Amino acid sequence: MKKKDLDYFKKHLEGRLEELVTHAEDTVSGMSQAKENFPDPTDRASHEANRNFMLRIRDREHKLIKKIKKTIARIEENDFGVCESCGEDISIERLKARPVTTQCIDCKTKEEAMEKALGL
């Protein structure tokens, strides 16, 4: 892969990482504020549902943060853009769609078909 492409992906991933970390910090600071008092149980339930939803989103983002950090490390080690399964290059189009991917489209398709067949 060309240096220009690697620089593009690294810059893109670092920007996304910064954005996700900011979201996480905002969530933590928002949850550490004084608890609100809701006289209506429905309002309280709605607030708790929203809070749980936000926590699920942040959990998914936490997993994405880990993937982004691993991907940046792969860029620095010159392993970025190579399929872990078959060793072939991953297409630029696929990397633009999902920069944290570790498999080419063929290997990922086979893996998903196997998961579906096994009911995973």
PDB file of N, CA and C in Angstrom:
ATOM      1  N   MET A   1       0.844  -1.173   0.000  1.00  0.00           N
ATOM      2  CA  MET A   1       0.000   0.000   0.000  1.00  0.00           C
ATOM      3  C   MET A   1       0.894   1.242   0.000  1.00  0.00           C
ATOM      4  N   LYS A   2       0.437   2.255  -0.665  1.00  0.00           N
ATOM      5  CA  LYS A   2       1.202   3.495  -0.789  1.00  0.00           C
ATOM      6  C   LYS A   2       1.224   4.268   0.517  1.00  0.00           C
ATOM      7  N   LYS A   3       2.296   5.003   0.723  1.00  0.00           N
ATOM      8  CA  LYS A   3       2.453   5.813   1.942  1.00  0.00           C
ATOM      9  C   LYS A   3       1.306   6.816   2.073  1.00  0.00           C
ATOM     10  N   LYS A   4       0.898   7.389   0.939  1.00  0.00           N
ATOM     11  CA  LYS A   4      -0.201   8.361   0.937  1.00  0.00           C
ATOM     12  C   LYS A   4      -1.481   7.728   1.484  1.00  0.00           C
ATOM     13  N   ASP A   5      -1.764   6.495   1.061  1.00  0.00           N
ATOM     14  CA  ASP A   5      -2.960   5.785   1.534  1.00  0.00           C
ATOM     15  C   ASP A   5      -2.861   5.483   3.028  1.00  0.00           C
ATOM     16  N   LEU A   6      -1.689   5.032   3.456  1.00  0.00           N
ATOM     17  CA  LEU A   6      -1.490   4.733   4.883  1.00  0.00           C
ATOM     18  C   LEU A   6      -1.675   5.982   5.731  1.00  0.00           C
ATOM     19  N   ASP A   7      -1.140   7.104   5.264  1.00  0.00           N
ATOM     20  CA  ASP A   7      -1.290   8.366   5.997  1.00  0.00           C
ATOM     21  C   ASP A   7      -2.756   8.775   6.079  1.00  0.00           C
ATOM     22  N   TYR A   8      -3.486   8.579   4.964  1.00  0.00           N
ATOM     23  CA  TYR A   8      -4.917   8.905   4.954  1.00  0.00           C
ATOM     24  C   TYR A   8      -5.658   8.086   6.009  1.00  0.00           C
ATOM     25  N   PHE A   9      -5.443   6.773   6.016  1.00  0.00           N
ATOM     26  CA  PHE A   9      -6.158   5.911   6.957  1.00  0.00           C
ATOM     27  C   PHE A   9      -5.755   6.205   8.398  1.00  0.00           C
ATOM     28  N   LYS A  10      -4.482   6.457   8.632  1.00  0.00           N
ATOM     29  CA  LYS A  10      -4.039   6.761   9.993  1.00  0.00           C
ATOM     30  C   LYS A  10      -4.677   8.055  10.494  1.00  0.00           C
ATOM     31  N   LYS A  11      -4.683   9.078   9.658  1.00  0.00           N
ATOM     32  CA  LYS A  11      -5.293  10.353  10.040  1.00  0.00           C
ATOM     33  C   LYS A  11      -6.790  10.175  10.292  1.00  0.00           C
ATOM     34  N   HIS A  12      -7.452   9.443   9.408  1.00  0.00           N
ATOM     35  CA  HIS A  12      -8.891   9.191   9.545  1.00  0.00           C
ATOM     36  C   HIS A  12      -9.187   8.452  10.860  1.00  0.00           C
ATOM     37  N   LEU A  13      -8.420   7.423  11.144  1.00  0.00           N
ATOM     38  CA  LEU A  13      -8.638   6.630  12.358  1.00  0.00           C
ATOM     39  C   LEU A  13      -8.315   7.425  13.612  1.00  0.00           C
ATOM     40  N   GLU A  14      -7.278   8.222  13.586  1.00  0.00           N
ATOM     41  CA  GLU A  14      -6.948   9.042  14.758  1.00  0.00           C
ATOM     42  C   GLU A  14      -8.042  10.061  15.036  1.00  0.00           C
ATOM     43  N   GLY A  15      -8.627  10.631  13.989  1.00  0.00           N
ATOM     44  CA  GLY A  15      -9.748  11.559  14.168  1.00  0.00           C
ATOM     45  C   GLY A  15     -10.958  10.871  14.762  1.00  0.00           C
ATOM     46  N   ARG A  16     -11.252   9.684  14.257  1.00  0.00           N
ATOM     47  CA  ARG A  16     -12.396   8.911  14.774  1.00  0.00           C
ATOM     48  C   ARG A  16     -12.156   8.503  16.225  1.00  0.00           C
ATOM     49  N   LEU A  17     -10.925   8.130  16.539  1.00  0.00           N
ATOM     50  CA  LEU A  17     -10.575   7.752  17.904  1.00  0.00           C
ATOM     51  C   LEU A  17     -10.772   8.923  18.858  1.00  0.00           C
ATOM     52  N   GLU A  18     -10.316  10.080  18.461  1.00  0.00           N
ATOM     53  CA  GLU A  18     -10.480  11.276  19.296  1.00  0.00           C
ATOM     54  C   GLU A  18     -11.956  11.581  19.542  1.00  0.00           C
ATOM     55  N   GLU A  19     -12.752  11.443  18.503  1.00  0.00           N
ATOM     56  CA  GLU A  19     -14.194  11.683  18.604  1.00  0.00           C
ATOM     57  C   GLU A  19     -14.850  10.698  19.588  1.00  0.00           C
ATOM     58  N   LEU A  20     -14.501   9.430  19.487  1.00  0.00           N
ATOM     59  CA  LEU A  20     -15.088   8.418  20.365  1.00  0.00           C
ATOM     60  C   LEU A  20     -14.666   8.622  21.820  1.00  0.00           C
ATOM     61  N   VAL A  21     -13.425   8.978  22.037  1.00  0.00           N
ATOM     62  CA  VAL A  21     -12.948   9.213  23.404  1.00  0.00           C
ATOM     63  C   VAL A  21     -13.675  10.410  24.013  1.00  0.00           C
ATOM     64  N   THR A  22     -13.905  11.435  23.231  1.00  0.00           N
ATOM     65  CA  THR A  22     -14.647  12.611  23.713  1.00  0.00           C
ATOM     66  C   THR A  22     -16.065  12.223  24.114  1.00  0.00           C
ATOM     67  N   HIS A  23     -16.715  11.394  23.301  1.00  0.00           N
ATOM     68  CA  HIS A  23     -18.067  10.927  23.634  1.00  0.00           C
ATOM     69  C   HIS A  23     -18.056  10.170  24.964  1.00  0.00           C
ATOM     70  N   ALA A  24     -17.064   9.309  25.141  1.00  0.00           N
ATOM     71  CA  ALA A  24     -16.979   8.519  26.372  1.00  0.00           C
ATOM     72  C   ALA A  24     -16.785   9.415  27.581  1.00  0.00           C
ATOM     73  N   GLU A  25     -15.924  10.411  27.439  1.00  0.00           N
ATOM     74  CA  GLU A  25     -15.692  11.334  28.555  1.00  0.00           C
ATOM     75  C   GLU A  25     -16.953  12.107  28.894  1.00  0.00           C
ATOM     76  N   ASP A  26     -17.703  12.523  27.876  1.00  0.00           N
ATOM     77  CA  ASP A  26     -18.958  13.241  28.107  1.00  0.00           C
ATOM     78  C   ASP A  26     -19.972  12.362  28.837  1.00  0.00           C
ATOM     79  N   THR A  27     -20.025  11.099  28.475  1.00  0.00           N
ATOM     80  CA  THR A  27     -20.955  10.180  29.124  1.00  0.00           C
ATOM     81  C   THR A  27     -20.586   9.984  30.588  1.00  0.00           C
ATOM     82  N   VAL A  28     -19.313   9.786  30.857  1.00  0.00           N
ATOM     83  CA  VAL A  28     -18.863   9.587  32.235  1.00  0.00           C
ATOM     84  C   VAL A  28     -19.169  10.821  33.068  1.00  0.00           C
ATOM     85  N   SER A  29     -18.876  11.995  32.550  1.00  0.00           N
ATOM     86  CA  SER A  29     -19.134  13.215  33.319  1.00  0.00           C
ATOM     87  C   SER A  29     -20.637  13.420  33.516  1.00  0.00           C
ATOM     88  N   GLY A  30     -21.440  13.047  32.520  1.00  0.00           N
ATOM     89  CA  GLY A  30     -22.886  13.177  32.646  1.00  0.00           C
ATOM     90  C   GLY A  30     -23.477  12.234  33.672  1.00  0.00           C
ATOM     91  N   MET A  31     -22.880  11.071  33.830  1.00  0.00           N
ATOM     92  CA  MET A  31     -23.403  10.098  34.781  1.00  0.00           C
ATOM     93  C   MET A  31     -22.905  10.351  36.201  1.00  0.00           C
ATOM     94  N   SER A  32     -21.869  11.141  36.337  1.00  0.00           N
ATOM     95  CA  SER A  32     -21.353  11.409  37.676  1.00  0.00           C
ATOM     96  C   SER A  32     -22.000  12.645  38.288  1.00  0.00           C
ATOM     97  N   GLN A  33     -22.873  13.307  37.539  1.00  0.00           N
ATOM     98  CA  GLN A  33     -23.592  14.465  38.072  1.00  0.00           C
ATOM     99  C   GLN A  33     -24.650  13.990  39.058  1.00  0.00           C
ATOM    100  N   ALA A  34     -25.138  14.929  39.833  1.00  0.00           N
ATOM    101  CA  ALA A  34     -26.155  14.601  40.833  1.00  0.00           C
ATOM    102  C   ALA A  34     -27.370  13.965  40.172  1.00  0.00           C
ATOM    103  N   LYS A  35     -27.938  12.969  40.855  1.00  0.00           N
ATOM    104  CA  LYS A  35     -29.095  12.263  40.304  1.00  0.00           C
ATOM    105  C   LYS A  35     -30.315  13.174  40.337  1.00  0.00           C
ATOM    106  N   GLU A  36     -31.088  13.061  39.274  1.00  0.00           N
ATOM    107  CA  GLU A  36     -32.310  13.850  39.194  1.00  0.00           C
ATOM    108  C   GLU A  36     -33.421  13.144  39.963  1.00  0.00           C
ATOM    109  N   ASN A  37     -34.328  13.930  40.495  1.00  0.00           N
ATOM    110  CA  ASN A  37     -35.451  13.387  41.246  1.00  0.00           C
ATOM    111  C   ASN A  37     -36.693  13.466  40.350  1.00  0.00           C
ATOM    112  N   PHE A  38     -37.294  12.317  40.079  1.00  0.00           N
ATOM    113  CA  PHE A  38     -38.465  12.259  39.223  1.00  0.00           C
ATOM    114  C   PHE A  38     -39.672  11.848  40.060  1.00  0.00           C
ATOM    115  N   PRO A  39     -40.633  12.746  40.201  1.00  0.00           N
ATOM    116  CA  PRO A  39     -41.837  12.387  40.962  1.00  0.00           C
ATOM    117  C   PRO A  39     -42.712  11.366  40.226  1.00  0.00           C
ATOM    118  N   ASP A  40     -42.629  11.361  38.923  1.00  0.00           N
ATOM    119  CA  ASP A  40     -43.448  10.449  38.124  1.00  0.00           C
ATOM    120  C   ASP A  40     -42.628   9.204  37.771  1.00  0.00           C
ATOM    121  N   PRO A  41     -43.101   8.015  38.131  1.00  0.00           N
ATOM    122  CA  PRO A  41     -42.367   6.784  37.820  1.00  0.00           C
ATOM    123  C   PRO A  41     -42.134   6.584  36.318  1.00  0.00           C
ATOM    124  N   THR A  42     -43.041   7.072  35.494  1.00  0.00           N
ATOM    125  CA  THR A  42     -42.878   6.931  34.052  1.00  0.00           C
ATOM    126  C   THR A  42     -41.696   7.756  33.557  1.00  0.00           C
ATOM    127  N   ASP A  43     -41.561   8.950  34.101  1.00  0.00           N
ATOM    128  CA  ASP A  43     -40.409   9.786  33.739  1.00  0.00           C
ATOM    129  C   ASP A  43     -39.111   9.123  34.171  1.00  0.00           C
ATOM    130  N   ARG A  44     -39.125   8.545  35.357  1.00  0.00           N
ATOM    131  CA  ARG A  44     -37.941   7.865  35.875  1.00  0.00           C
ATOM    132  C   ARG A  44     -37.565   6.669  34.986  1.00  0.00           C
ATOM    133  N   ALA A  45     -38.575   5.909  34.593  1.00  0.00           N
ATOM    134  CA  ALA A  45     -38.347   4.747  33.739  1.00  0.00           C
ATOM    135  C   ALA A  45     -37.807   5.177  32.375  1.00  0.00           C
ATOM    136  N   SER A  46     -38.353   6.238  31.836  1.00  0.00           N
ATOM    137  CA  SER A  46     -37.880   6.754  30.560  1.00  0.00           C
ATOM    138  C   SER A  46     -36.426   7.208  30.660  1.00  0.00           C
ATOM    139  N   HIS A  47     -36.103   7.885  31.740  1.00  0.00           N
ATOM    140  CA  HIS A  47     -34.723   8.340  31.970  1.00  0.00           C
ATOM    141  C   HIS A  47     -33.774   7.141  32.077  1.00  0.00           C
ATOM    142  N   GLU A  48     -34.171   6.127  32.806  1.00  0.00           N
ATOM    143  CA  GLU A  48     -33.334   4.927  32.967  1.00  0.00           C
ATOM    144  C   GLU A  48     -33.166   4.185  31.641  1.00  0.00           C
ATOM    145  N   ALA A  49     -34.234   4.114  30.854  1.00  0.00           N
ATOM    146  CA  ALA A  49     -34.147   3.460  29.547  1.00  0.00           C
ATOM    147  C   ALA A  49     -33.163   4.209  28.641  1.00  0.00           C
ATOM    148  N   ASN A  50     -33.247   5.529  28.648  1.00  0.00           N
ATOM    149  CA  ASN A  50     -32.316   6.341  27.853  1.00  0.00           C
ATOM    150  C   ASN A  50     -30.877   6.156  28.329  1.00  0.00           C
ATOM    151  N   ARG A  51     -30.711   6.090  29.624  1.00  0.00           N
ATOM    152  CA  ARG A  51     -29.372   5.907  30.192  1.00  0.00           C
ATOM    153  C   ARG A  51     -28.800   4.535  29.801  1.00  0.00           C
ATOM    154  N   ASN A  52     -29.611   3.508  29.904  1.00  0.00           N
ATOM    155  CA  ASN A  52     -29.167   2.161  29.523  1.00  0.00           C
ATOM    156  C   ASN A  52     -28.825   2.096  28.038  1.00  0.00           C
ATOM    157  N   PHE A  53     -29.634   2.755  27.219  1.00  0.00           N
ATOM    158  CA  PHE A  53     -29.363   2.805  25.788  1.00  0.00           C
ATOM    159  C   PHE A  53     -28.021   3.482  25.525  1.00  0.00           C
ATOM    160  N   MET A  54     -27.763   4.583  26.208  1.00  0.00           N
ATOM    161  CA  MET A  54     -26.507   5.308  26.040  1.00  0.00           C
ATOM    162  C   MET A  54     -25.318   4.449  26.484  1.00  0.00           C
ATOM    163  N   LEU A  55     -25.493   3.696  27.549  1.00  0.00           N
ATOM    164  CA  LEU A  55     -24.418   2.818  28.013  1.00  0.00           C
ATOM    165  C   LEU A  55     -24.124   1.710  27.001  1.00  0.00           C
ATOM    166  N   ARG A  56     -25.152   1.169  26.376  1.00  0.00           N
ATOM    167  CA  ARG A  56     -24.938   0.151  25.339  1.00  0.00           C
ATOM    168  C   ARG A  56     -24.176   0.732  24.150  1.00  0.00           C
ATOM    169  N   ILE A  57     -24.543   1.953  23.778  1.00  0.00           N
ATOM    170  CA  ILE A  57     -23.828   2.615  22.680  1.00  0.00           C
ATOM    171  C   ILE A  57     -22.370   2.818  23.053  1.00  0.00           C
ATOM    172  N   ARG A  58     -22.114   3.287  24.258  1.00  0.00           N
ATOM    173  CA  ARG A  58     -20.731   3.528  24.692  1.00  0.00           C
ATOM    174  C   ARG A  58     -19.939   2.228  24.791  1.00  0.00           C
ATOM    175  N   ASP A  59     -20.607   1.133  25.155  1.00  0.00           N
ATOM    176  CA  ASP A  59     -19.924  -0.156  25.204  1.00  0.00           C
ATOM    177  C   ASP A  59     -19.487  -0.569  23.796  1.00  0.00           C
ATOM    178  N   ARG A  60     -20.351  -0.386  22.831  1.00  0.00           N
ATOM    179  CA  ARG A  60     -20.000  -0.695  21.439  1.00  0.00           C
ATOM    180  C   ARG A  60     -18.863   0.210  20.963  1.00  0.00           C
ATOM    181  N   GLU A  61     -18.928   1.476  21.353  1.00  0.00           N
ATOM    182  CA  GLU A  61     -17.870   2.408  20.969  1.00  0.00           C
ATOM    183  C   GLU A  61     -16.548   2.035  21.637  1.00  0.00           C
ATOM    184  N   HIS A  62     -16.616   1.529  22.865  1.00  0.00           N
ATOM    185  CA  HIS A  62     -15.399   1.087  23.555  1.00  0.00           C
ATOM    186  C   HIS A  62     -14.729  -0.042  22.777  1.00  0.00           C
ATOM    187  N   LYS A  63     -15.530  -0.964  22.284  1.00  0.00           N
ATOM    188  CA  LYS A  63     -14.996  -2.056  21.468  1.00  0.00           C
ATOM    189  C   LYS A  63     -14.389  -1.516  20.175  1.00  0.00           C
ATOM    190  N   LEU A  64     -15.037  -0.507  19.588  1.00  0.00           N
ATOM    191  CA  LEU A  64     -14.511   0.101  18.371  1.00  0.00           C
ATOM    192  C   LEU A  64     -13.197   0.835  18.655  1.00  0.00           C
ATOM    193  N   ILE A  65     -13.093   1.469  19.807  1.00  0.00           N
ATOM    194  CA  ILE A  65     -11.851   2.146  20.197  1.00  0.00           C
ATOM    195  C   ILE A  65     -10.697   1.145  20.226  1.00  0.00           C
ATOM    196  N   LYS A  66     -10.947  -0.027  20.798  1.00  0.00           N
ATOM    197  CA  LYS A  66      -9.904  -1.066  20.833  1.00  0.00           C
ATOM    198  C   LYS A  66      -9.487  -1.466  19.420  1.00  0.00           C
ATOM    199  N   LYS A  67     -10.477  -1.646  18.532  1.00  0.00           N
ATOM    200  CA  LYS A  67     -10.176  -2.029  17.155  1.00  0.00           C
ATOM    201  C   LYS A  67      -9.385  -0.933  16.444  1.00  0.00           C
ATOM    202  N   ILE A  68      -9.754   0.315  16.687  1.00  0.00           N
ATOM    203  CA  ILE A  68      -9.049   1.426  16.047  1.00  0.00           C
ATOM    204  C   ILE A  68      -7.606   1.477  16.523  1.00  0.00           C
ATOM    205  N   LYS A  69      -7.384   1.290  17.819  1.00  0.00           N
ATOM    206  CA  LYS A  69      -6.010   1.304  18.339  1.00  0.00           C
ATOM    207  C   LYS A  69      -5.183   0.174  17.735  1.00  0.00           C
ATOM    208  N   LYS A  70      -5.785  -1.000  17.602  1.00  0.00           N
ATOM    209  CA  LYS A  70      -5.076  -2.125  16.972  1.00  0.00           C
ATOM    210  C   LYS A  70      -4.779  -1.825  15.512  1.00  0.00           C
ATOM    211  N   THR A  71      -5.712  -1.184  14.827  1.00  0.00           N
ATOM    212  CA  THR A  71      -5.517  -0.857  13.421  1.00  0.00           C
ATOM    213  C   THR A  71      -4.405   0.174  13.250  1.00  0.00           C
ATOM    214  N   ILE A  72      -4.364   1.177  14.108  1.00  0.00           N
ATOM    215  CA  ILE A  72      -3.288   2.166  14.046  1.00  0.00           C
ATOM    216  C   ILE A  72      -1.945   1.477  14.285  1.00  0.00           C
ATOM    217  N   ALA A  73      -1.912   0.534  15.210  1.00  0.00           N
ATOM    218  CA  ALA A  73      -0.671  -0.222  15.454  1.00  0.00           C
ATOM    219  C   ALA A  73      -0.289  -1.025  14.209  1.00  0.00           C
ATOM    220  N   ARG A  74      -1.286  -1.605  13.517  1.00  0.00           N
ATOM    221  CA  ARG A  74      -0.989  -2.353  12.296  1.00  0.00           C
ATOM    222  C   ARG A  74      -0.446  -1.441  11.200  1.00  0.00           C
ATOM    223  N   ILE A  75      -0.960  -0.216  11.151  1.00  0.00           N
ATOM    224  CA  ILE A  75      -0.437   0.747  10.175  1.00  0.00           C
ATOM    225  C   ILE A  75       1.030   1.030  10.472  1.00  0.00           C
ATOM    226  N   GLU A  76       1.334   1.255  11.748  1.00  0.00           N
ATOM    227  CA  GLU A  76       2.711   1.570  12.145  1.00  0.00           C
ATOM    228  C   GLU A  76       3.654   0.380  11.937  1.00  0.00           C
ATOM    229  N   GLU A  77       3.121  -0.827  11.993  1.00  0.00           N
ATOM    230  CA  GLU A  77       3.933  -2.039  11.795  1.00  0.00           C
ATOM    231  C   GLU A  77       3.922  -2.514  10.340  1.00  0.00           C
ATOM    232  N   ASN A  78       3.277  -1.747   9.469  1.00  0.00           N
ATOM    233  CA  ASN A  78       3.161  -2.084   8.045  1.00  0.00           C
ATOM    234  C   ASN A  78       2.411  -3.387   7.799  1.00  0.00           C
ATOM    235  N   ASP A  79       1.461  -3.724   8.661  1.00  0.00           N
ATOM    236  CA  ASP A  79       0.614  -4.908   8.477  1.00  0.00           C
ATOM    237  C   ASP A  79      -0.788  -4.531   8.010  1.00  0.00           C
ATOM    238  N   PHE A  80      -1.042  -3.259   7.858  1.00  0.00           N
ATOM    239  CA  PHE A  80      -2.373  -2.777   7.505  1.00  0.00           C
ATOM    240  C   PHE A  80      -2.693  -3.109   6.053  1.00  0.00           C
ATOM    241  N   GLY A  81      -3.927  -3.535   5.829  1.00  0.00           N
ATOM    242  CA  GLY A  81      -4.386  -3.793   4.472  1.00  0.00           C
ATOM    243  C   GLY A  81      -4.100  -5.189   3.961  1.00  0.00           C
ATOM    244  N   VAL A  82      -3.660  -6.068   4.865  1.00  0.00           N
ATOM    245  CA  VAL A  82      -3.375  -7.454   4.489  1.00  0.00           C
ATOM    246  C   VAL A  82      -4.337  -8.355   5.259  1.00  0.00           C
ATOM    247  N   CYS A  83      -5.011  -9.248   4.554  1.00  0.00           N
ATOM    248  CA  CYS A  83      -5.979 -10.159   5.156  1.00  0.00           C
ATOM    249  C   CYS A  83      -5.277 -11.111   6.124  1.00  0.00           C
ATOM    250  N   GLU A  84      -5.804 -11.215   7.333  1.00  0.00           N
ATOM    251  CA  GLU A  84      -5.236 -12.134   8.328  1.00  0.00           C
ATOM    252  C   GLU A  84      -5.466 -13.591   7.968  1.00  0.00           C
ATOM    253  N   SER A  85      -6.486 -13.861   7.183  1.00  0.00           N
ATOM    254  CA  SER A  85      -6.815 -15.248   6.849  1.00  0.00           C
ATOM    255  C   SER A  85      -6.013 -15.791   5.673  1.00  0.00           C
ATOM    256  N   CYS A  86      -5.985 -15.034   4.573  1.00  0.00           N
ATOM    257  CA  CYS A  86      -5.346 -15.560   3.361  1.00  0.00           C
ATOM    258  C   CYS A  86      -4.049 -14.853   2.992  1.00  0.00           C
ATOM    259  N   GLY A  87      -3.766 -13.713   3.602  1.00  0.00           N
ATOM    260  CA  GLY A  87      -2.533 -12.994   3.324  1.00  0.00           C
ATOM    261  C   GLY A  87      -2.583 -12.107   2.093  1.00  0.00           C
ATOM    262  N   GLU A  88      -3.729 -12.053   1.425  1.00  0.00           N
ATOM    263  CA  GLU A  88      -3.877 -11.196   0.246  1.00  0.00           C
ATOM    264  C   GLU A  88      -4.165  -9.760   0.678  1.00  0.00           C
ATOM    265  N   ASP A  89      -3.967  -8.821  -0.243  1.00  0.00           N
ATOM    266  CA  ASP A  89      -4.281  -7.421   0.036  1.00  0.00           C
ATOM    267  C   ASP A  89      -5.792  -7.230   0.131  1.00  0.00           C
ATOM    268  N   ILE A  90      -6.198  -6.380   1.065  1.00  0.00           N
ATOM    269  CA  ILE A  90      -7.606  -5.996   1.204  1.00  0.00           C
ATOM    270  C   ILE A  90      -7.812  -4.797   0.292  1.00  0.00           C
ATOM    271  N   SER A  91      -8.902  -4.776  -0.448  1.00  0.00           N
ATOM    272  CA  SER A  91      -9.133  -3.694  -1.405  1.00  0.00           C
ATOM    273  C   SER A  91      -9.290  -2.349  -0.681  1.00  0.00           C
ATOM    274  N   ILE A  92      -8.857  -1.306  -1.349  1.00  0.00           N
ATOM    275  CA  ILE A  92      -8.971   0.054  -0.805  1.00  0.00           C
ATOM    276  C   ILE A  92     -10.437   0.397  -0.555  1.00  0.00           C
ATOM    277  N   GLU A  93     -11.316  -0.030  -1.439  1.00  0.00           N
ATOM    278  CA  GLU A  93     -12.746   0.250  -1.268  1.00  0.00           C
ATOM    279  C   GLU A  93     -13.267  -0.350   0.037  1.00  0.00           C
ATOM    280  N   ARG A  94     -12.860  -1.573   0.318  1.00  0.00           N
ATOM    281  CA  ARG A  94     -13.284  -2.217   1.567  1.00  0.00           C
ATOM    282  C   ARG A  94     -12.694  -1.481   2.767  1.00  0.00           C
ATOM    283  N   LEU A  95     -11.450  -1.099   2.682  1.00  0.00           N
ATOM    284  CA  LEU A  95     -10.819  -0.383   3.792  1.00  0.00           C
ATOM    285  C   LEU A  95     -11.454   0.980   4.009  1.00  0.00           C
ATOM    286  N   LYS A  96     -11.889   1.620   2.945  1.00  0.00           N
ATOM    287  CA  LYS A  96     -12.571   2.910   3.106  1.00  0.00           C
ATOM    288  C   LYS A  96     -13.923   2.724   3.780  1.00  0.00           C
ATOM    289  N   ALA A  97     -14.602   1.623   3.460  1.00  0.00           N
ATOM    290  CA  ALA A  97     -15.900   1.341   4.069  1.00  0.00           C
ATOM    291  C   ALA A  97     -15.756   0.904   5.518  1.00  0.00           C
ATOM    292  N   ARG A  98     -14.724   0.125   5.811  1.00  0.00           N
ATOM    293  CA  ARG A  98     -14.500  -0.400   7.154  1.00  0.00           C
ATOM    294  C   ARG A  98     -12.991  -0.471   7.409  1.00  0.00           C
ATOM    295  N   PRO A  99     -12.405   0.648   7.832  1.00  0.00           N
ATOM    296  CA  PRO A  99     -10.944   0.691   7.981  1.00  0.00           C
ATOM    297  C   PRO A  99     -10.383  -0.246   9.045  1.00  0.00           C
ATOM    298  N   VAL A 100     -11.208  -0.709   9.980  1.00  0.00           N
ATOM    299  CA  VAL A 100     -10.700  -1.587  11.036  1.00  0.00           C
ATOM    300  C   VAL A 100     -10.766  -3.061  10.650  1.00  0.00           C
ATOM    301  N   THR A 101     -11.173  -3.343   9.422  1.00  0.00           N
ATOM    302  CA  THR A 101     -11.298  -4.730   8.999  1.00  0.00           C
ATOM    303  C   THR A 101      -9.941  -5.426   8.965  1.00  0.00           C
ATOM    304  N   THR A 102      -9.979  -6.723   9.218  1.00  0.00           N
ATOM    305  CA  THR A 102      -8.743  -7.512   9.187  1.00  0.00           C
ATOM    306  C   THR A 102      -8.816  -8.611   8.137  1.00  0.00           C
ATOM    307  N   GLN A 103      -9.936  -8.667   7.408  1.00  0.00           N
ATOM    308  CA  GLN A 103     -10.111  -9.709   6.403  1.00  0.00           C
ATOM    309  C   GLN A 103     -10.578  -9.116   5.085  1.00  0.00           C
ATOM    310  N   CYS A 104     -10.164  -9.764   3.998  1.00  0.00           N
ATOM    311  CA  CYS A 104     -10.671  -9.372   2.686  1.00  0.00           C
ATOM    312  C   CYS A 104     -12.141  -9.794   2.603  1.00  0.00           C
ATOM    313  N   ILE A 105     -12.821  -9.288   1.599  1.00  0.00           N
ATOM    314  CA  ILE A 105     -14.252  -9.557   1.485  1.00  0.00           C
ATOM    315  C   ILE A 105     -14.545 -11.040   1.289  1.00  0.00           C
ATOM    316  N   ASP A 106     -13.700 -11.745   0.546  1.00  0.00           N
ATOM    317  CA  ASP A 106     -13.933 -13.169   0.315  1.00  0.00           C
ATOM    318  C   ASP A 106     -13.834 -13.970   1.609  1.00  0.00           C
ATOM    319  N   CYS A 107     -12.793 -13.715   2.389  1.00  0.00           N
ATOM    320  CA  CYS A 107     -12.612 -14.452   3.645  1.00  0.00           C
ATOM    321  C   CYS A 107     -13.712 -14.110   4.648  1.00  0.00           C
ATOM    322  N   LYS A 108     -14.104 -12.841   4.699  1.00  0.00           N
ATOM    323  CA  LYS A 108     -15.166 -12.431   5.622  1.00  0.00           C
ATOM    324  C   LYS A 108     -16.495 -13.056   5.212  1.00  0.00           C
ATOM    325  N   THR A 109     -16.759 -13.128   3.922  1.00  0.00           N
ATOM    326  CA  THR A 109     -17.988 -13.754   3.435  1.00  0.00           C
ATOM    327  C   THR A 109     -18.020 -15.231   3.818  1.00  0.00           C
ATOM    328  N   LYS A 110     -16.900 -15.920   3.641  1.00  0.00           N
ATOM    329  CA  LYS A 110     -16.819 -17.339   4.009  1.00  0.00           C
ATOM    330  C   LYS A 110     -17.015 -17.511   5.513  1.00  0.00           C
ATOM    331  N   GLU A 111     -16.396 -16.632   6.304  1.00  0.00           N
ATOM    332  CA  GLU A 111     -16.533 -16.719   7.757  1.00  0.00           C
ATOM    333  C   GLU A 111     -17.983 -16.521   8.183  1.00  0.00           C
ATOM    334  N   GLU A 112     -18.657 -15.540   7.601  1.00  0.00           N
ATOM    335  CA  GLU A 112     -20.051 -15.287   7.946  1.00  0.00           C
ATOM    336  C   GLU A 112     -20.960 -16.439   7.507  1.00  0.00           C
ATOM    337  N   ALA A 113     -20.663 -17.040   6.371  1.00  0.00           N
ATOM    338  CA  ALA A 113     -21.446 -18.193   5.906  1.00  0.00           C
ATOM    339  C   ALA A 113     -21.281 -19.365   6.873  1.00  0.00           C
ATOM    340  N   MET A 114     -20.057 -19.563   7.347  1.00  0.00           N
ATOM    341  CA  MET A 114     -19.789 -20.637   8.314  1.00  0.00           C
ATOM    342  C   MET A 114     -20.519 -20.374   9.631  1.00  0.00           C
ATOM    343  N   GLU A 115     -20.489 -19.126  10.106  1.00  0.00           N
ATOM    344  CA  GLU A 115     -21.207 -18.760  11.335  1.00  0.00           C
ATOM    345  C   GLU A 115     -22.697 -19.004  11.186  1.00  0.00           C
ATOM    346  N   LYS A 116     -23.224 -18.652  10.023  1.00  0.00           N
ATOM    347  CA  LYS A 116     -24.662 -18.843   9.772  1.00  0.00           C
ATOM    348  C   LYS A 116     -24.994 -20.331   9.754  1.00  0.00           C
ATOM    349  N   ALA A 117     -24.151 -21.125   9.113  1.00  0.00           N
ATOM    350  CA  ALA A 117     -24.381 -22.568   9.036  1.00  0.00           C
ATOM    351  C   ALA A 117     -24.323 -23.217  10.413  1.00  0.00           C
ATOM    352  N   LEU A 118     -23.430 -22.724  11.264  1.00  0.00           N
ATOM    353  CA  LEU A 118     -23.283 -23.277  12.604  1.00  0.00           C
ATOM    354  C   LEU A 118     -24.259 -22.671  13.599  1.00  0.00           C
ATOM    355  N   GLY A 119     -24.986 -21.622  13.168  1.00  0.00           N
ATOM    356  CA  GLY A 119     -25.954 -20.980  14.045  1.00  0.00           C
ATOM    357  C   GLY A 119     -25.327 -20.094  15.100  1.00  0.00           C
ATOM    358  N   LEU A 120     -24.192 -19.526  14.803  1.00  0.00           N
ATOM    359  CA  LEU A 120     -23.510 -18.648  15.775  1.00  0.00           C
ATOM    360  C   LEU A 120     -23.997 -17.248  15.710  1.00  0.00           C
TER     361      LEU A 120
END
